[in-house]
Amino acid sequence: MRKNIVILFISFVFFSCAKNSNITGVEDNSTYLGGIGTQRTYIQTEKWLLPGTSDPVVIPPDSLISKVPFSQNEISSGVVIRDSLVETIAMIDSTYYEGWELPPPRQIYKTIVSTGTEYNLSFALSEFIHNRNYQGSAVAERNYHVYAEFLGKIIEVSPGDTLLSSKPPWLKVPLIVGDSWERLQFPSIFGPAVISVHVSELKKVTIASGTFEAYKLEVITKLSDPDSTLQIEYEYYTPNVGLILYETKRTAHVWYGYDSITRISVDQVIRKELVSYSFIE
């Protein structure tokens, strides 16, 4: 996972963090992306599997197993990339507020700063073969996103974009089981595409950081042909905590090989899981 700075406009909701083993209940008038002072730690893994199977693509030779900081279970299940990420929500600073020419007032905007480290098994093996060290890499800054809560929806905003009411929702709030909406329309190499969201259920989800009551969102990317699904993603949100789990599986073309010049097709399985969190009252 790369370093992300996400800017959003949400209501202030602060509360004390319960023990991670407790169930985090759903509350009305909540923020679905976390309040000021929220800090979340995630582990994100990316698996590469031979298409249509559960067999791993990348298998380290026995001579290099001891150098790889992955468990045998991770290797046999196909994990190639593992990111450790920390997201912290803070007030927007003047650089982004003024540089992006955002409409006032300034205090409605928030930032989520994501930092961490990434370990890439494919890249590591290439380095080891050439007798070079590899200890992982810092998550690089890649994206800036702006979000605003406006008329019952959290929307994505571009720099200088002031027509907030005309933008499609990233999330409709409060989340309600059965609701659906379009998140984004965009051109693709296959033609016009649309990302739609459906709130499929409210369920208890047990992950590394505890048991949560979370809304499960099905995020579907399709072409104009309704039968042409490109990707299905699943997002799980718990009010006042934020995203607790993300999962997707898709066909991907990746560069692989000790020379990193071979492009292959794999089943790519991505999972981002919340492992700890804290709040400021």
Foldseek 3Di string as FASTA:
>chain_A
DAKEKEKAFADADFDFDDALADAFDADARFDFAAHAFKKFKKKKWKFWAAPPDQAAPDDDDPVCVVVDPDDPVCVRRGTFKIKIKMKHKHQDDPCCCVVLVEDDDRRRMMIITMWTWMDGNQQQSLQVVVVHHDDTGIRHYDYYWHWYCDPQAIATDGRPDDPVVPGWGPGGPPDDAADKGWRDWDADPVGIKTKMKHFHDFAWDQDQSHIYGWTKIWIWMAHPPPVGTQWIKIWTTGTNNHTAKIKTWHWDWAQGDSVSHDIDITTMIMMMGTNHMGTDD
